[in-house]
Amino acid sequence: MLDIERLKSIIEKFEDLTQQLANPDVITDTEKLTKIARERAEMEDLYEAVKKYLSLYDELKSAKEMLENESDDEMKEFLKEEIDSLEEKLSSQEEEVKFHLIGKDPNDEKNVIMEIRAGAGGEEASLFAAELFRMYSRYAERNGWKVEILSTSFSDMGGYKEVIFMVKGRGAYSRLKYESGVHRVQRVPVTESSGRIHTSTATVAVLPEVQDVEVHIDPKDLKIDTYRSSGPGGQHVNVTDSAVRITHIPTGIVVACQEERSQLQNRERAMQILRAKLYELEKRRQEEEIAKQRRQQVGTGERSEKIRTYNFPQGRVTDHRIGKTIYNLEAFLDGEIDEMVDDLVAWDRAEKLKSAM
């Protein structure tokens, strides 16, 4: 049973924040108004969960009091059934409240920068990387999110040695953060003449987009180079030095962007990637300091960790973290990955609740 007085204080705090938003002194103070509105928005899901819990608690309390004072056997039986039902609902709602008390990932509503790199397997790995990019692009399309390519490096057969792209849309990180890790494909490559099944890999990194205010970058720490863009050819090949390479001297991180036609645009894109990388670097440092506590994402997210296998001969995709297999590989690669993501979200939620307990 949860602490009822603590839950009531949550209700009071939320209602107080709501009243403050109507205060003329707050309305005229933009900074204060924004702060209170943000705090209230962050509490809203918890408030609704607590409100429902307290309502069920009161119903259960009333039903038990009625049972104590009831003399009619038929009515007693009805009340006992009602109490059993309310206790079950209250137990379920208790888990909901605990989950919201844990707090949501502050990055969940952010846009995402994703990096897909070909791993073991040569050209086949590059072709698989291209298929993963298409899968996430289709998934983004299904969710009404926008995909913007930030950087690409093509293989000889048209696959991707590397592709970095941004997914813009509310909640993108909350759904895509579970994709970080090594993805493995098992199939007969187009380059294989004997028909043997090969195993190739591609790594996926998922980074929340970071705003300027979250990561301070001293311009003195940057080495910026420009060079001529390269690409598949044709009339759009850039003949000016519009591509940009930025080296962050303290960390040695190097990012490059050549997709846009102007040097300024490429520089802005490269800085977006750099900010995300520096943020992720700092986030990892902090996680290591918290006594090796479980990461917020499912799994460690390290690239040496195989998280999923795409088996073409059997038409299945298996996520090794939760032991789930879906036998509809074609649809999965076409962006229908919600079933898997839903189960990963549920598993992650259960693990967080277990840790909190």
Protein backbone atom coordinates (compact mmCIF):
# COMPACT_ATOMS: atom_id res chain seq x y z
CA MET A 1 0.00 0.00 0.00
CA LEU A 2 1.30 3.42 -0.93
CA ASP A 3 1.60 6.32 1.52
CA ILE A 4 -1.77 8.06 1.17
CA GLU A 5 -0.59 11.31 2.76
CA ARG A 6 2.31 11.52 0.29
CA LEU A 7 -0.08 10.94 -2.60
CA LYS A 8 -2.40 13.67 -1.34
CA SER A 9 0.55 16.08 -1.21
CA ILE A 10 1.20 15.33 -4.91
CA ILE A 11 -2.41 16.26 -5.72
CA GLU A 12 -2.09 19.46 -3.69
CA LYS A 13 1.16 20.45 -5.39
CA PHE A 14 -0.27 19.92 -8.88
CA GLU A 15 -3.41 21.91 -8.09
CA ASP A 16 -1.26 24.67 -6.59
CA LEU A 17 0.78 24.87 -9.80
CA THR A 18 -2.47 25.05 -11.78
CA GLN A 19 -3.65 27.99 -9.65
CA GLN A 20 -0.31 29.76 -10.04
CA LEU A 21 -0.71 29.69 -13.83
CA ALA A 22 -3.79 31.89 -13.38
CA ASN A 23 -1.97 34.34 -11.09
CA PRO A 24 -1.53 37.74 -12.83
CA ASP A 25 1.94 38.16 -11.28
CA VAL A 26 3.03 34.86 -12.83
CA ILE A 27 1.40 35.52 -16.20
CA THR A 28 3.40 38.74 -16.62
CA ASP A 29 6.69 37.03 -15.70
CA THR A 30 7.57 34.97 -18.79
CA GLU A 31 10.46 33.11 -17.15
CA LYS A 32 8.42 32.14 -14.09
CA LEU A 33 5.40 31.23 -16.20
CA THR A 34 7.50 28.94 -18.40
CA LYS A 35 9.08 27.26 -15.36
CA ILE A 36 5.74 26.60 -13.64
CA ALA A 37 4.06 25.43 -16.86
CA ARG A 38 6.93 22.99 -17.50
CA GLU A 39 6.81 21.64 -13.93
CA ARG A 40 3.05 21.18 -14.15
CA ALA A 41 3.32 19.40 -17.51
CA GLU A 42 5.95 17.04 -16.10
CA MET A 43 3.64 16.20 -13.17
CA GLU A 44 0.46 15.72 -15.19
CA ASP A 45 0.75 11.96 -15.84
CA LEU A 46 1.69 11.33 -12.19
CA TYR A 47 -1.22 13.49 -11.04
CA GLU A 48 -3.73 11.54 -13.16
CA ALA A 49 -2.33 8.20 -11.94
CA VAL A 50 -2.44 9.29 -8.27
CA LYS A 51 -5.94 10.73 -8.66
CA LYS A 52 -7.21 7.40 -10.04
CA TYR A 53 -5.41 5.48 -7.26
CA LEU A 54 -6.96 7.61 -4.51
CA SER A 55 -10.41 7.24 -6.09
CA LEU A 56 -10.07 3.44 -6.09
CA TYR A 57 -8.71 3.56 -2.53
CA ASP A 58 -11.76 5.51 -1.34
CA GLU A 59 -14.12 3.13 -3.16
CA LEU A 60 -12.43 0.13 -1.56
CA LYS A 61 -12.54 1.72 1.89
CA SER A 62 -16.27 2.45 1.51
CA ALA A 63 -17.02 -1.07 0.25
CA LYS A 64 -15.25 -2.60 3.27
CA GLU A 65 -17.17 -0.34 5.68
CA MET A 66 -20.44 -1.31 4.01
CA LEU A 67 -19.54 -5.00 4.31
CA GLU A 68 -18.94 -4.64 8.06
CA ASN A 69 -22.39 -3.12 8.56
CA GLU A 70 -24.29 -5.34 6.10
CA SER A 71 -26.53 -8.14 7.38
CA ASP A 72 -28.05 -9.35 4.10
CA ASP A 73 -26.18 -12.43 2.85
CA GLU A 74 -26.82 -11.71 -0.82
CA MET A 75 -25.59 -8.14 -0.44
CA LYS A 76 -22.55 -9.37 1.48
CA GLU A 77 -21.64 -11.67 -1.39
CA PHE A 78 -22.00 -8.82 -3.85
CA LEU A 79 -19.78 -6.55 -1.73
CA LYS A 80 -17.10 -9.25 -1.39
CA GLU A 81 -16.94 -9.59 -5.18
CA GLU A 82 -16.77 -5.81 -5.50
CA ILE A 83 -13.94 -5.66 -2.94
CA ASP A 84 -11.96 -8.35 -4.78
CA SER A 85 -12.36 -6.43 -8.04
CA LEU A 86 -11.35 -3.11 -6.45
CA GLU A 87 -8.30 -4.66 -4.76
CA GLU A 88 -7.14 -6.02 -8.11
CA LYS A 89 -7.62 -2.63 -9.79
CA LEU A 90 -5.88 -0.85 -6.91
CA SER A 91 -2.88 -3.19 -7.14
CA SER A 92 -2.59 -2.54 -10.87
CA GLN A 93 -2.92 1.21 -10.37
CA GLU A 94 -0.25 1.07 -7.65
CA GLU A 95 2.26 -0.16 -10.26
CA GLU A 96 1.21 2.72 -12.52
CA VAL A 97 1.82 5.27 -9.75
CA LYS A 98 5.20 3.74 -8.87
CA PHE A 99 6.27 3.95 -12.50
CA HIS A 100 5.41 7.65 -12.68
CA LEU A 101 7.10 8.27 -9.33
CA ILE A 102 10.31 6.88 -10.81
CA GLY A 103 10.14 9.65 -13.37
CA LYS A 104 10.38 9.55 -17.12
CA ASP A 105 13.52 9.81 -19.17
CA PRO A 106 14.06 13.57 -19.66
CA ASN A 107 15.17 12.87 -23.23
CA ASP A 108 12.01 10.99 -24.28
CA GLU A 109 10.34 13.88 -26.08
CA LYS A 110 13.49 14.92 -27.95
CA ASN A 111 14.41 14.51 -31.59
CA VAL A 112 16.94 11.78 -32.33
CA ILE A 113 20.26 11.61 -34.12
CA MET A 114 20.88 8.06 -35.34
CA GLU A 115 24.11 6.60 -36.69
CA ILE A 116 24.14 3.36 -38.67
CA ARG A 117 27.52 1.87 -39.57
CA ALA A 118 28.38 -1.27 -41.51
CA GLY A 119 30.13 -3.80 -39.27
CA ALA A 120 31.50 -7.25 -40.07
CA GLY A 121 30.63 -8.57 -43.50
CA GLY A 122 32.02 -6.14 -46.08
CA GLU A 123 29.60 -5.13 -48.85
CA GLU A 124 26.82 -7.26 -47.36
CA ALA A 125 27.09 -5.30 -44.10
CA SER A 126 26.81 -2.04 -46.05
CA LEU A 127 23.70 -3.27 -47.85
CA PHE A 128 22.20 -4.32 -44.50
CA ALA A 129 22.97 -0.87 -43.06
CA ALA A 130 21.01 0.63 -45.96
CA GLU A 131 18.06 -1.68 -45.18
CA LEU A 132 18.11 -0.61 -41.53
CA PHE A 133 18.09 3.03 -42.61
CA ARG A 134 15.07 2.34 -44.82
CA MET A 135 13.36 0.51 -41.92
CA TYR A 136 13.76 3.47 -39.57
CA SER A 137 12.75 5.91 -42.30
CA ARG A 138 9.53 3.96 -42.93
CA TYR A 139 8.89 3.75 -39.17
CA ALA A 140 9.36 7.51 -38.87
CA GLU A 141 6.96 8.03 -41.77
CA ARG A 142 4.33 5.87 -40.06
CA ASN A 143 4.62 8.03 -36.94
CA GLY A 144 4.49 11.33 -38.79
CA TRP A 145 8.13 12.13 -38.00
CA LYS A 146 10.55 13.81 -40.38
CA VAL A 147 13.90 12.27 -41.39
CA GLU A 148 16.86 14.47 -42.37
CA ILE A 149 20.12 12.93 -43.57
CA LEU A 150 23.13 14.60 -41.95
CA SER A 151 26.04 12.59 -43.37
CA THR A 152 26.59 9.58 -45.63
CA SER A 153 29.41 7.36 -46.84
CA PHE A 154 28.49 4.96 -49.64
CA SER A 155 29.90 1.54 -50.44
CA ASP A 156 30.75 0.39 -53.98
CA MET A 157 27.44 -1.49 -54.32
CA GLY A 158 25.25 1.40 -53.16
CA GLY A 159 24.96 0.47 -49.51
CA TYR A 160 26.03 2.62 -46.59
CA LYS A 161 29.40 2.38 -44.93
CA GLU A 162 27.88 4.98 -42.61
CA VAL A 163 24.73 7.07 -42.51
CA ILE A 164 23.91 9.67 -39.86
CA PHE A 165 20.42 11.14 -39.82
CA MET A 166 18.01 13.02 -37.60
CA VAL A 167 14.47 11.93 -36.78
CA LYS A 168 12.33 14.93 -35.84
CA GLY A 169 9.08 14.39 -34.02
CA ARG A 170 7.55 14.32 -30.57
CA GLY A 171 8.51 11.19 -28.66
CA ALA A 172 11.01 10.00 -31.25
CA TYR A 173 13.69 9.22 -28.65
CA SER A 174 11.23 7.41 -26.39
CA ARG A 175 10.58 4.85 -29.14
CA LEU A 176 13.93 4.67 -30.93
CA LYS A 177 16.31 4.60 -27.95
CA TYR A 178 15.96 0.81 -27.70
CA GLU A 179 17.56 0.37 -31.15
CA SER A 180 21.08 1.15 -29.91
CA GLY A 181 23.48 -1.78 -30.33
CA VAL A 182 24.63 -4.37 -32.85
CA HIS A 183 22.09 -5.68 -35.37
CA ARG A 184 22.93 -8.99 -37.05
CA VAL A 185 21.64 -10.33 -40.36
CA GLN A 186 21.72 -13.96 -41.52
CA ARG A 187 21.09 -14.60 -45.21
CA VAL A 188 22.66 -15.51 -48.55
CA PRO A 189 24.41 -12.33 -49.74
CA VAL A 190 24.01 -11.11 -53.30
CA THR A 191 27.81 -11.39 -53.51
CA GLU A 192 27.73 -15.12 -52.62
CA SER A 193 27.68 -17.45 -55.64
CA SER A 194 27.59 -20.76 -53.73
CA GLY A 195 24.35 -20.01 -51.87
CA ARG A 196 25.88 -20.17 -48.39
CA ILE A 197 24.26 -18.24 -45.56
CA HIS A 198 26.49 -15.52 -44.14
CA THR A 199 26.25 -13.49 -40.94
CA SER A 200 26.90 -9.76 -41.16
CA THR A 201 26.40 -6.91 -38.72
CA ALA A 202 25.64 -3.21 -38.53
CA THR A 203 25.86 -0.97 -35.48
CA VAL A 204 23.17 1.51 -34.52
CA ALA A 205 23.74 4.41 -32.13
CA VAL A 206 20.80 6.50 -30.90
CA LEU A 207 21.51 9.95 -29.47
CA PRO A 208 19.01 12.56 -28.22
CA GLU A 209 19.31 15.89 -29.99
CA VAL A 210 21.06 18.38 -27.74
CA GLN A 211 20.33 22.10 -27.68
CA ASP A 212 23.09 24.73 -27.41
CA VAL A 213 22.29 25.44 -23.76
CA GLU A 214 22.88 21.83 -22.69
CA VAL A 215 26.45 21.46 -23.92
CA HIS A 216 28.97 24.29 -23.77
CA ILE A 217 31.46 24.18 -26.63
CA ASP A 218 34.33 26.64 -26.53
CA PRO A 219 35.10 27.82 -30.09
CA LYS A 220 38.81 27.70 -29.14
CA ASP A 221 38.46 23.91 -28.75
CA LEU A 222 37.38 23.45 -32.38
CA LYS A 223 39.45 22.84 -35.48
CA ILE A 224 37.30 23.43 -38.57
CA ASP A 225 38.37 22.24 -42.04
CA THR A 226 36.55 22.64 -45.32
CA TYR A 227 36.90 20.45 -48.38
CA ARG A 228 35.13 19.57 -51.60
CA SER A 229 32.04 17.38 -51.31
CA SER A 230 32.04 13.95 -52.89
CA GLY A 231 29.06 11.86 -53.87
CA PRO A 232 27.60 9.46 -56.39
CA GLY A 233 28.11 11.96 -59.21
CA GLY A 234 25.80 13.78 -61.60
CA GLN A 235 24.82 17.40 -61.98
CA HIS A 236 24.62 18.05 -58.22
CA VAL A 237 28.27 17.32 -57.43
CA ASN A 238 29.58 20.33 -55.52
CA VAL A 239 32.62 22.00 -57.05
CA THR A 240 33.21 24.34 -54.11
CA ASP A 241 34.72 23.62 -50.68
CA SER A 242 31.30 23.32 -49.01
CA ALA A 243 31.93 20.15 -46.96
CA VAL A 244 32.90 20.73 -43.34
CA ARG A 245 34.96 18.65 -40.92
CA ILE A 246 35.02 19.68 -37.22
CA THR A 247 37.52 18.28 -34.73
CA HIS A 248 36.84 18.76 -31.02
CA ILE A 249 40.41 18.98 -29.73
CA PRO A 250 39.87 18.07 -26.02
CA THR A 251 38.07 14.79 -26.84
CA GLY A 252 39.42 14.02 -30.31
CA ILE A 253 35.88 13.63 -31.69
CA VAL A 254 35.71 14.29 -35.44
CA VAL A 255 32.45 14.93 -37.31
CA ALA A 256 31.94 15.77 -40.97
CA CYS A 257 28.99 16.85 -43.07
CA GLN A 258 28.71 17.29 -46.83
CA GLU A 259 25.04 16.72 -47.62
CA GLU A 260 24.04 20.39 -47.90
CA ARG A 261 25.16 22.66 -50.74
CA SER A 262 26.36 25.54 -48.57
CA GLN A 263 29.30 25.52 -46.17
CA LEU A 264 27.20 27.29 -43.52
CA GLN A 265 24.49 24.62 -43.58
CA ASN A 266 27.05 21.82 -43.41
CA ARG A 267 28.73 23.54 -40.48
CA GLU A 268 25.42 23.80 -38.61
CA ARG A 269 24.71 20.11 -39.26
CA ALA A 270 28.18 19.10 -38.09
CA MET A 271 27.76 21.11 -34.89
CA GLN A 272 24.45 19.34 -34.22
CA ILE A 273 26.20 15.99 -34.42
CA LEU A 274 29.11 17.18 -32.28
CA ARG A 275 26.81 18.48 -29.54
CA ALA A 276 24.97 15.16 -29.44
CA LYS A 277 28.24 13.21 -29.26
CA LEU A 278 29.61 15.38 -26.44
CA TYR A 279 26.33 15.07 -24.56
CA GLU A 280 26.40 11.28 -24.93
CA LEU A 281 30.03 11.21 -23.78
CA GLU A 282 29.19 13.16 -20.62
CA LYS A 283 26.10 11.04 -20.04
CA ARG A 284 28.19 7.87 -20.17
CA ARG A 285 30.69 9.32 -17.70
CA GLN A 286 27.91 10.11 -15.27
CA GLU A 287 26.39 6.63 -15.65
CA GLU A 288 29.72 4.99 -14.86
CA GLU A 289 29.98 7.05 -11.67
CA ILE A 290 26.60 5.91 -10.34
CA ALA A 291 28.01 2.59 -9.07
CA LYS A 292 27.34 0.77 -12.31
CA GLN A 293 23.60 1.18 -11.95
CA ARG A 294 21.40 -0.03 -14.74
CA ARG A 295 21.36 2.27 -17.74
CA GLN A 296 18.13 4.03 -18.60
CA GLN A 297 18.06 2.34 -21.97
CA VAL A 298 17.37 -1.38 -22.37
CA GLY A 299 20.76 -3.05 -22.50
CA THR A 300 24.02 -1.20 -22.25
CA GLY A 301 23.92 0.28 -25.74
CA GLU A 302 27.54 -0.72 -26.27
CA ARG A 303 28.29 -1.61 -29.85
CA SER A 304 29.78 -4.97 -28.94
CA GLU A 305 26.36 -6.10 -27.73
CA LYS A 306 24.24 -8.03 -30.26
CA ILE A 307 20.71 -6.94 -29.58
CA ARG A 308 18.81 -8.35 -32.56
CA THR A 309 19.06 -10.93 -35.34
CA TYR A 310 17.32 -10.71 -38.72
CA ASN A 311 17.13 -14.24 -40.13
CA PHE A 312 16.03 -14.24 -43.79
CA PRO A 313 15.84 -18.03 -44.44
CA GLN A 314 13.32 -18.39 -41.59
CA GLY A 315 11.67 -15.00 -42.13
CA ARG A 316 12.07 -14.03 -38.50
CA VAL A 317 13.52 -11.25 -36.37
CA THR A 318 14.60 -11.96 -32.77
CA ASP A 319 15.40 -9.44 -30.05
CA HIS A 320 17.87 -11.10 -27.69
CA ARG A 321 17.27 -8.72 -24.77
CA ILE A 322 13.67 -9.80 -24.25
CA GLY A 323 13.73 -13.12 -26.13
CA LYS A 324 10.96 -12.07 -28.50
CA THR A 325 10.68 -13.40 -32.07
CA ILE A 326 8.44 -12.02 -34.80
CA TYR A 327 7.84 -14.17 -37.87
CA ASN A 328 7.16 -11.37 -40.33
CA LEU A 329 10.58 -10.11 -41.32
CA GLU A 330 9.44 -8.41 -44.53
CA ALA A 331 6.88 -6.23 -42.73
CA PHE A 332 9.36 -5.53 -39.91
CA LEU A 333 11.96 -4.22 -42.36
CA ASP A 334 9.21 -2.10 -43.91
CA GLY A 335 8.94 -0.19 -40.65
CA GLU A 336 6.30 -2.22 -38.79
CA ILE A 337 8.36 -2.46 -35.61
CA ASP A 338 5.82 -1.19 -33.05
CA GLU A 339 5.06 -4.65 -31.65
CA MET A 340 8.73 -5.14 -30.79
CA VAL A 341 9.15 -1.61 -29.45
CA ASP A 342 6.01 -1.96 -27.28
CA ASP A 343 7.44 -5.09 -25.66
CA LEU A 344 10.82 -3.38 -25.11
CA VAL A 345 9.06 -0.43 -23.45
CA ALA A 346 7.10 -2.82 -21.20
CA TRP A 347 10.25 -4.78 -20.32
CA ASP A 348 12.17 -1.60 -19.55
CA ARG A 349 9.31 -0.37 -17.40
CA ALA A 350 9.21 -3.66 -15.44
CA GLU A 351 12.97 -3.51 -14.85
CA LYS A 352 12.75 0.06 -13.55
CA LEU A 353 9.92 -0.89 -11.19
CA LYS A 354 11.94 -3.88 -9.98
CA SER A 355 14.92 -1.62 -9.31
CA ALA A 356 12.73 0.91 -7.49
CA MET A 357 11.31 -1.81 -5.25
